[in-house]
């Protein structure tokens, strides 16, 4: 799990799971890991595009 947390960053999959459950969305821990990975990729793309200007 340590490797996954390094990829994901500051929000742990467990934290993401708790936040999503608080909003009424029930997902598995594996799905939370995937959601965070996708969000990280989107953030990296957005920053790269912004810096290209």
C-alpha atoms as a PDB file:
ATOM      1  CA  UNK A   1       0.000   0.000   0.000  1.00  0.00           C
ATOM      2  CA  UNK A   2       2.916   2.377   0.614  1.00  0.00           C
ATOM      3  CA  UNK A   3       3.656   2.470  -3.125  1.00  0.00           C
ATOM      4  CA  UNK A   4       0.050   3.436  -3.908  1.00  0.00           C
ATOM      5  CA  UNK A   5       0.095   6.188  -1.294  1.00  0.00           C
ATOM      6  CA  UNK A   6       3.263   7.647  -2.826  1.00  0.00           C
ATOM      7  CA  UNK A   7       1.575   7.787  -6.219  1.00  0.00           C
ATOM      8  CA  UNK A   8      -1.610   9.287  -4.855  1.00  0.00           C
ATOM      9  CA  UNK A   9      -0.051  11.961  -2.667  1.00  0.00           C
ATOM     10  CA  UNK A  10      -1.393  13.606   0.437  1.00  0.00           C
ATOM     11  CA  UNK A  11      -4.934  12.189   0.487  1.00  0.00           C
ATOM     12  CA  UNK A  12      -4.894   8.533   1.482  1.00  0.00           C
ATOM     13  CA  UNK A  13      -7.337   6.124  -0.125  1.00  0.00           C
ATOM     14  CA  UNK A  14      -8.959   5.685   3.289  1.00  0.00           C
ATOM     15  CA  UNK A  15      -9.463   9.460   3.582  1.00  0.00           C
ATOM     16  CA  UNK A  16     -10.966   9.579   0.092  1.00  0.00           C
ATOM     17  CA  UNK A  17     -13.248   6.691   0.982  1.00  0.00           C
ATOM     18  CA  UNK A  18     -14.461   8.515   4.108  1.00  0.00           C
ATOM     19  CA  UNK A  19     -15.036  11.752   2.181  1.00  0.00           C
ATOM     20  CA  UNK A  20     -17.004  10.002  -0.554  1.00  0.00           C
ATOM     21  CA  UNK A  21     -19.062   8.042   1.960  1.00  0.00           C
ATOM     22  CA  UNK A  22     -19.864  11.300   3.772  1.00  0.00           C
ATOM     23  CA  UNK A  23     -21.323  12.540   0.472  1.00  0.00           C
ATOM     24  CA  UNK A  24     -23.442   9.398   0.141  1.00  0.00           C
ATOM     25  CA  UNK A  25     -21.242   7.564  -2.369  1.00  0.00           C
ATOM     26  CA  UNK A  26     -20.364   4.000  -1.392  1.00  0.00           C
ATOM     27  CA  UNK A  27     -17.297   2.608  -3.169  1.00  0.00           C
ATOM     28  CA  UNK A  28     -14.612   0.045  -2.381  1.00  0.00           C
ATOM     29  CA  UNK A  29     -11.107   0.892  -1.248  1.00  0.00           C
ATOM     30  CA  UNK A  30      -9.749  -0.246  -4.617  1.00  0.00           C
ATOM     31  CA  UNK A  31     -12.143   2.114  -6.386  1.00  0.00           C
ATOM     32  CA  UNK A  32     -11.044   4.960  -4.113  1.00  0.00           C
ATOM     33  CA  UNK A  33      -7.435   4.258  -5.090  1.00  0.00           C
ATOM     34  CA  UNK A  34      -8.410   4.410  -8.764  1.00  0.00           C
ATOM     35  CA  UNK A  35     -10.353   7.639  -8.291  1.00  0.00           C
ATOM     36  CA  UNK A  36      -7.350   9.291  -6.647  1.00  0.00           C
ATOM     37  CA  UNK A  37      -5.027   8.074  -9.399  1.00  0.00           C
ATOM     38  CA  UNK A  38      -7.310   9.528 -12.076  1.00  0.00           C
ATOM     39  CA  UNK A  39      -7.609  12.827 -10.217  1.00  0.00           C
ATOM     40  CA  UNK A  40      -3.820  13.003  -9.910  1.00  0.00           C
ATOM     41  CA  UNK A  41      -3.451  12.450 -13.681  1.00  0.00           C
ATOM     42  CA  UNK A  42      -6.031  15.138 -14.433  1.00  0.00           C
ATOM     43  CA  UNK A  43      -4.282  17.569 -12.088  1.00  0.00           C
ATOM     44  CA  UNK A  44      -0.907  16.879 -13.707  1.00  0.00           C
ATOM     45  CA  UNK A  45      -2.355  17.444 -17.183  1.00  0.00           C
ATOM     46  CA  UNK A  46      -4.004  20.695 -16.083  1.00  0.00           C
ATOM     47  CA  UNK A  47      -0.771  22.022 -14.558  1.00  0.00           C
ATOM     48  CA  UNK A  48       1.248  21.000 -17.629  1.00  0.00           C
ATOM     49  CA  UNK A  49      -1.201  22.730 -19.963  1.00  0.00           C
ATOM     50  CA  UNK A  50      -1.182  25.849 -17.828  1.00  0.00           C
ATOM     51  CA  UNK A  51       2.613  25.986 -17.781  1.00  0.00           C
ATOM     52  CA  UNK A  52       2.746  25.616 -21.590  1.00  0.00           C
ATOM     53  CA  UNK A  53       1.093  29.042 -21.997  1.00  0.00           C
END
